[in-house]
Amino acid sequence: MALGVLGIFLPVLPTTPFMLLAAACFARSSPRIHHWLLSHPTFGPILHEWHTYRSIPYRAKRAALLLIALSFGVSIACFVPGWPAKLAMGIGGLVLAIWIARIPSRDAPRKA
């Protein structure tokens, strides 16, 4: 759960997967903390959406994809030395973005 909270402030560290993992672990070990997570104003709606429908809100998906593009782009441009490392990081970011884009969103705008 601590890694999920850190992910709020650190752009490269994902929040949602760690919170989903924490909710799954607490569902078996601590019903009180599991209930607290599900009723939390920030984490609760996303966890409920995933638990009930196996989807993420469209707004959260859009924000995640934007942050992935920004953080990977800045990292590749400014901090990663050498083209092999830049290529590897670019491929990793692309794979992550494709994986997140494929997760369904119930509230996504309909295509015409």
N, C-alpha and C. Protein backbone atom coordinates (compact mmCIF):
# COMPACT_ATOMS: atom_id res chain seq x y z
N MET A 1 0.83 -1.17 0.00
CA MET A 1 0.00 0.00 0.00
C MET A 1 0.88 1.25 0.00
N ALA A 2 2.02 1.19 0.68
CA ALA A 2 2.92 2.34 0.73
C ALA A 2 3.44 2.68 -0.67
N LEU A 3 3.73 1.66 -1.50
CA LEU A 3 4.18 1.92 -2.86
C LEU A 3 3.09 2.60 -3.68
N GLY A 4 1.86 2.22 -3.46
CA GLY A 4 0.75 2.86 -4.15
C GLY A 4 0.60 4.32 -3.76
N VAL A 5 0.78 4.62 -2.49
CA VAL A 5 0.71 6.02 -2.03
C VAL A 5 1.88 6.81 -2.60
N LEU A 6 3.07 6.22 -2.64
CA LEU A 6 4.22 6.90 -3.24
C LEU A 6 3.99 7.18 -4.73
N GLY A 7 3.25 6.29 -5.38
CA GLY A 7 2.96 6.46 -6.80
C GLY A 7 2.13 7.69 -7.10
N ILE A 8 1.43 8.22 -6.11
CA ILE A 8 0.68 9.46 -6.30
C ILE A 8 1.65 10.61 -6.60
N PHE A 9 2.79 10.58 -5.95
CA PHE A 9 3.74 11.69 -6.04
C PHE A 9 4.88 11.44 -7.01
N LEU A 10 5.18 10.19 -7.31
CA LEU A 10 6.28 9.86 -8.22
C LEU A 10 5.70 9.41 -9.56
N PRO A 11 5.98 10.13 -10.65
CA PRO A 11 5.31 9.85 -11.92
C PRO A 11 5.63 8.49 -12.54
N VAL A 12 6.78 7.91 -12.25
CA VAL A 12 7.12 6.63 -12.88
C VAL A 12 6.53 5.45 -12.12
N LEU A 13 6.23 5.62 -10.85
CA LEU A 13 5.71 4.55 -10.01
C LEU A 13 4.18 4.50 -10.14
N PRO A 14 3.61 3.37 -10.58
CA PRO A 14 2.16 3.31 -10.77
C PRO A 14 1.42 3.17 -9.44
N THR A 15 0.33 3.87 -9.30
CA THR A 15 -0.46 3.82 -8.07
C THR A 15 -1.47 2.68 -8.10
N THR A 16 -2.25 2.62 -9.16
CA THR A 16 -3.39 1.69 -9.20
C THR A 16 -3.01 0.23 -9.03
N PRO A 17 -1.99 -0.31 -9.73
CA PRO A 17 -1.68 -1.74 -9.53
C PRO A 17 -1.31 -2.07 -8.08
N PHE A 18 -0.57 -1.18 -7.42
CA PHE A 18 -0.20 -1.44 -6.03
C PHE A 18 -1.41 -1.36 -5.11
N MET A 19 -2.34 -0.47 -5.40
CA MET A 19 -3.55 -0.38 -4.57
C MET A 19 -4.45 -1.59 -4.81
N LEU A 20 -4.53 -2.07 -6.05
CA LEU A 20 -5.30 -3.28 -6.33
C LEU A 20 -4.70 -4.48 -5.61
N LEU A 21 -3.38 -4.58 -5.63
CA LEU A 21 -2.70 -5.66 -4.91
C LEU A 21 -2.94 -5.55 -3.41
N ALA A 22 -2.85 -4.34 -2.88
CA ALA A 22 -3.09 -4.14 -1.45
C ALA A 22 -4.52 -4.52 -1.08
N ALA A 23 -5.48 -4.13 -1.90
CA ALA A 23 -6.89 -4.47 -1.62
C ALA A 23 -7.09 -5.98 -1.64
N ALA A 24 -6.46 -6.66 -2.60
CA ALA A 24 -6.59 -8.12 -2.68
C ALA A 24 -5.98 -8.78 -1.45
N CYS A 25 -4.82 -8.29 -1.02
CA CYS A 25 -4.18 -8.87 0.16
C CYS A 25 -4.98 -8.59 1.43
N PHE A 26 -5.46 -7.36 1.57
CA PHE A 26 -6.22 -7.02 2.77
C PHE A 26 -7.59 -7.68 2.80
N ALA A 27 -8.13 -8.05 1.65
CA ALA A 27 -9.41 -8.76 1.63
C ALA A 27 -9.30 -10.08 2.37
N ARG A 28 -8.13 -10.67 2.36
CA ARG A 28 -7.92 -11.96 3.04
C ARG A 28 -7.35 -11.81 4.44
N SER A 29 -6.60 -10.72 4.68
CA SER A 29 -5.91 -10.63 5.96
C SER A 29 -6.57 -9.67 6.94
N SER A 30 -7.15 -8.57 6.45
CA SER A 30 -7.71 -7.57 7.35
C SER A 30 -8.97 -6.96 6.74
N PRO A 31 -10.13 -7.49 7.09
CA PRO A 31 -11.38 -6.94 6.55
C PRO A 31 -11.55 -5.45 6.88
N ARG A 32 -11.04 -5.03 8.02
CA ARG A 32 -11.19 -3.63 8.42
C ARG A 32 -10.42 -2.71 7.46
N ILE A 33 -9.17 -3.04 7.15
CA ILE A 33 -8.39 -2.21 6.24
C ILE A 33 -8.92 -2.33 4.80
N HIS A 34 -9.38 -3.53 4.44
CA HIS A 34 -9.98 -3.71 3.11
C HIS A 34 -11.20 -2.81 2.96
N HIS A 35 -12.05 -2.77 3.95
CA HIS A 35 -13.23 -1.89 3.91
C HIS A 35 -12.81 -0.43 3.85
N TRP A 36 -11.76 -0.06 4.60
CA TRP A 36 -11.28 1.31 4.58
C TRP A 36 -10.80 1.69 3.18
N LEU A 37 -10.06 0.78 2.52
CA LEU A 37 -9.59 1.06 1.17
C LEU A 37 -10.75 1.25 0.20
N LEU A 38 -11.74 0.36 0.29
CA LEU A 38 -12.87 0.45 -0.63
C LEU A 38 -13.74 1.68 -0.39
N SER A 39 -13.75 2.19 0.83
CA SER A 39 -14.57 3.37 1.11
C SER A 39 -13.75 4.66 1.08
N HIS A 40 -12.46 4.57 0.76
CA HIS A 40 -11.61 5.76 0.70
C HIS A 40 -12.06 6.64 -0.47
N PRO A 41 -12.15 7.96 -0.27
CA PRO A 41 -12.66 8.82 -1.34
C PRO A 41 -11.78 8.85 -2.59
N THR A 42 -10.47 8.64 -2.47
CA THR A 42 -9.59 8.67 -3.63
C THR A 42 -9.46 7.30 -4.27
N PHE A 43 -9.15 6.28 -3.48
CA PHE A 43 -8.89 4.95 -4.01
C PHE A 43 -10.14 4.11 -4.20
N GLY A 44 -11.16 4.35 -3.40
CA GLY A 44 -12.35 3.51 -3.39
C GLY A 44 -13.05 3.36 -4.72
N PRO A 45 -13.36 4.47 -5.43
CA PRO A 45 -14.08 4.32 -6.70
C PRO A 45 -13.32 3.50 -7.74
N ILE A 46 -12.02 3.69 -7.84
CA ILE A 46 -11.23 2.93 -8.82
C ILE A 46 -11.17 1.46 -8.43
N LEU A 47 -10.97 1.19 -7.13
CA LEU A 47 -10.94 -0.20 -6.67
C LEU A 47 -12.29 -0.88 -6.86
N HIS A 48 -13.36 -0.15 -6.58
CA HIS A 48 -14.71 -0.71 -6.76
C HIS A 48 -14.96 -1.01 -8.25
N GLU A 49 -14.58 -0.10 -9.11
CA GLU A 49 -14.76 -0.30 -10.55
C GLU A 49 -14.01 -1.55 -11.03
N TRP A 50 -12.79 -1.71 -10.55
CA TRP A 50 -12.01 -2.89 -10.95
C TRP A 50 -12.60 -4.16 -10.37
N HIS A 51 -12.97 -4.12 -9.09
CA HIS A 51 -13.50 -5.30 -8.43
C HIS A 51 -14.83 -5.75 -9.03
N THR A 52 -15.68 -4.80 -9.35
CA THR A 52 -17.01 -5.13 -9.85
C THR A 52 -17.03 -5.42 -11.35
N TYR A 53 -16.37 -4.59 -12.15
CA TYR A 53 -16.50 -4.67 -13.60
C TYR A 53 -15.21 -5.03 -14.34
N ARG A 54 -14.10 -5.16 -13.64
CA ARG A 54 -12.80 -5.40 -14.26
C ARG A 54 -12.50 -4.33 -15.31
N SER A 55 -12.76 -3.08 -14.95
CA SER A 55 -12.48 -1.96 -15.83
C SER A 55 -11.94 -0.80 -15.00
N ILE A 56 -11.40 0.20 -15.70
CA ILE A 56 -10.95 1.40 -15.01
C ILE A 56 -11.69 2.60 -15.62
N PRO A 57 -11.91 3.63 -14.83
CA PRO A 57 -12.60 4.81 -15.38
C PRO A 57 -11.82 5.41 -16.55
N TYR A 58 -12.54 5.91 -17.54
CA TYR A 58 -11.92 6.47 -18.73
C TYR A 58 -10.99 7.63 -18.37
N ARG A 59 -11.41 8.46 -17.43
CA ARG A 59 -10.58 9.60 -17.03
C ARG A 59 -9.25 9.13 -16.42
N ALA A 60 -9.29 8.08 -15.61
CA ALA A 60 -8.07 7.54 -15.00
C ALA A 60 -7.17 6.93 -16.07
N LYS A 61 -7.76 6.26 -17.05
CA LYS A 61 -6.98 5.67 -18.13
C LYS A 61 -6.30 6.76 -18.95
N ARG A 62 -7.05 7.81 -19.27
CA ARG A 62 -6.49 8.92 -20.04
C ARG A 62 -5.34 9.59 -19.29
N ALA A 63 -5.52 9.79 -17.98
CA ALA A 63 -4.46 10.40 -17.16
C ALA A 63 -3.24 9.50 -17.10
N ALA A 64 -3.46 8.19 -16.95
CA ALA A 64 -2.34 7.25 -16.89
C ALA A 64 -1.55 7.25 -18.20
N LEU A 65 -2.24 7.25 -19.32
CA LEU A 65 -1.55 7.26 -20.61
C LEU A 65 -0.77 8.56 -20.83
N LEU A 66 -1.34 9.68 -20.41
CA LEU A 66 -0.64 10.95 -20.52
C LEU A 66 0.61 10.97 -19.66
N LEU A 67 0.49 10.50 -18.42
CA LEU A 67 1.64 10.48 -17.52
C LEU A 67 2.72 9.50 -17.98
N ILE A 68 2.31 8.39 -18.56
CA ILE A 68 3.28 7.44 -19.10
C ILE A 68 4.06 8.11 -20.24
N ALA A 69 3.34 8.77 -21.14
CA ALA A 69 4.01 9.43 -22.26
C ALA A 69 4.95 10.52 -21.77
N LEU A 70 4.49 11.33 -20.83
CA LEU A 70 5.34 12.41 -20.32
C LEU A 70 6.56 11.89 -19.57
N SER A 71 6.34 10.98 -18.64
CA SER A 71 7.46 10.51 -17.81
C SER A 71 8.47 9.71 -18.62
N PHE A 72 8.00 8.84 -19.50
CA PHE A 72 8.93 8.08 -20.33
C PHE A 72 9.63 9.00 -21.33
N GLY A 73 8.89 9.94 -21.92
CA GLY A 73 9.48 10.86 -22.88
C GLY A 73 10.57 11.72 -22.26
N VAL A 74 10.29 12.30 -21.10
CA VAL A 74 11.28 13.13 -20.42
C VAL A 74 12.47 12.28 -19.98
N SER A 75 12.22 11.09 -19.48
CA SER A 75 13.31 10.21 -19.05
C SER A 75 14.21 9.84 -20.21
N ILE A 76 13.59 9.48 -21.33
CA ILE A 76 14.38 9.09 -22.50
C ILE A 76 15.18 10.28 -23.03
N ALA A 77 14.54 11.45 -23.10
CA ALA A 77 15.21 12.62 -23.67
C ALA A 77 16.30 13.18 -22.76
N CYS A 78 16.10 13.13 -21.46
CA CYS A 78 17.01 13.85 -20.55
C CYS A 78 17.92 12.98 -19.69
N PHE A 79 17.51 11.77 -19.37
CA PHE A 79 18.23 11.04 -18.34
C PHE A 79 18.85 9.72 -18.78
N VAL A 80 18.34 9.10 -19.81
CA VAL A 80 18.81 7.77 -20.21
C VAL A 80 19.94 7.93 -21.24
N PRO A 81 21.13 7.41 -20.92
CA PRO A 81 22.25 7.53 -21.86
C PRO A 81 22.26 6.39 -22.88
N GLY A 82 22.66 6.70 -24.09
CA GLY A 82 22.85 5.67 -25.11
C GLY A 82 21.57 5.24 -25.79
N TRP A 83 21.66 5.01 -27.08
CA TRP A 83 20.46 4.64 -27.82
C TRP A 83 19.91 3.27 -27.48
N PRO A 84 20.72 2.25 -27.11
CA PRO A 84 20.11 0.96 -26.76
C PRO A 84 19.20 1.07 -25.51
N ALA A 85 19.65 1.84 -24.53
CA ALA A 85 18.83 2.02 -23.33
C ALA A 85 17.59 2.85 -23.64
N LYS A 86 17.74 3.86 -24.50
CA LYS A 86 16.59 4.68 -24.89
C LYS A 86 15.57 3.84 -25.65
N LEU A 87 16.05 2.99 -26.54
CA LEU A 87 15.16 2.10 -27.30
C LEU A 87 14.44 1.14 -26.36
N ALA A 88 15.19 0.54 -25.44
CA ALA A 88 14.58 -0.41 -24.49
C ALA A 88 13.52 0.28 -23.64
N MET A 89 13.83 1.47 -23.16
CA MET A 89 12.87 2.20 -22.34
C MET A 89 11.66 2.62 -23.17
N GLY A 90 11.88 3.02 -24.41
CA GLY A 90 10.77 3.37 -25.29
C GLY A 90 9.84 2.19 -25.56
N ILE A 91 10.44 1.02 -25.79
CA ILE A 91 9.64 -0.19 -26.01
C ILE A 91 8.88 -0.54 -24.74
N GLY A 92 9.54 -0.43 -23.58
CA GLY A 92 8.85 -0.70 -22.32
C GLY A 92 7.67 0.24 -22.09
N GLY A 93 7.85 1.53 -22.38
CA GLY A 93 6.76 2.48 -22.24
C GLY A 93 5.63 2.20 -23.20
N LEU A 94 5.97 1.81 -24.43
CA LEU A 94 4.95 1.48 -25.42
C LEU A 94 4.15 0.25 -25.01
N VAL A 95 4.83 -0.76 -24.51
CA VAL A 95 4.14 -1.98 -24.05
C VAL A 95 3.21 -1.64 -22.88
N LEU A 96 3.69 -0.84 -21.94
CA LEU A 96 2.86 -0.44 -20.81
C LEU A 96 1.64 0.35 -21.28
N ALA A 97 1.84 1.28 -22.21
CA ALA A 97 0.72 2.09 -22.71
C ALA A 97 -0.30 1.22 -23.43
N ILE A 98 0.15 0.26 -24.23
CA ILE A 98 -0.77 -0.63 -24.93
C ILE A 98 -1.55 -1.48 -23.94
N TRP A 99 -0.87 -1.97 -22.90
CA TRP A 99 -1.54 -2.79 -21.89
C TRP A 99 -2.64 -1.99 -21.19
N ILE A 100 -2.34 -0.76 -20.81
CA ILE A 100 -3.34 0.07 -20.13
C ILE A 100 -4.47 0.45 -21.08
N ALA A 101 -4.14 0.75 -22.34
CA ALA A 101 -5.16 1.13 -23.30
C ALA A 101 -6.14 -0.02 -23.58
N ARG A 102 -5.69 -1.24 -23.43
CA ARG A 102 -6.57 -2.40 -23.69
C ARG A 102 -7.51 -2.74 -22.54
N ILE A 103 -7.28 -2.18 -21.37
CA ILE A 103 -8.18 -2.42 -20.24
C ILE A 103 -9.48 -1.68 -20.53
N PRO A 104 -10.62 -2.35 -20.40
CA PRO A 104 -11.88 -1.69 -20.75
C PRO A 104 -12.24 -0.56 -19.79
N SER A 105 -13.01 0.39 -20.33
CA SER A 105 -13.57 1.49 -19.54
C SER A 105 -15.06 1.54 -19.85
N ARG A 106 -15.86 1.40 -18.81
CA ARG A 106 -17.32 1.41 -19.03
C ARG A 106 -17.84 2.77 -19.43
N ASP A 107 -17.17 3.83 -19.00
CA ASP A 107 -17.67 5.18 -19.26
C ASP A 107 -16.95 5.86 -20.43
N ALA A 108 -16.29 5.08 -21.29
CA ALA A 108 -15.59 5.65 -22.44
C ALA A 108 -16.60 6.20 -23.44
N PRO A 109 -16.25 7.30 -24.11
CA PRO A 109 -17.15 7.83 -25.13
C PRO A 109 -17.34 6.83 -26.26
N ARG A 110 -18.55 6.76 -26.76
CA ARG A 110 -18.86 5.82 -27.86
C ARG A 110 -18.30 6.34 -29.17
N LYS A 111 -17.77 5.43 -29.98
CA LYS A 111 -17.28 5.80 -31.30
C LYS A 111 -18.44 5.79 -32.28
N ALA A 112 -18.45 6.74 -33.18
CA ALA A 112 -19.55 6.86 -34.15
C ALA A 112 -19.41 5.88 -35.28
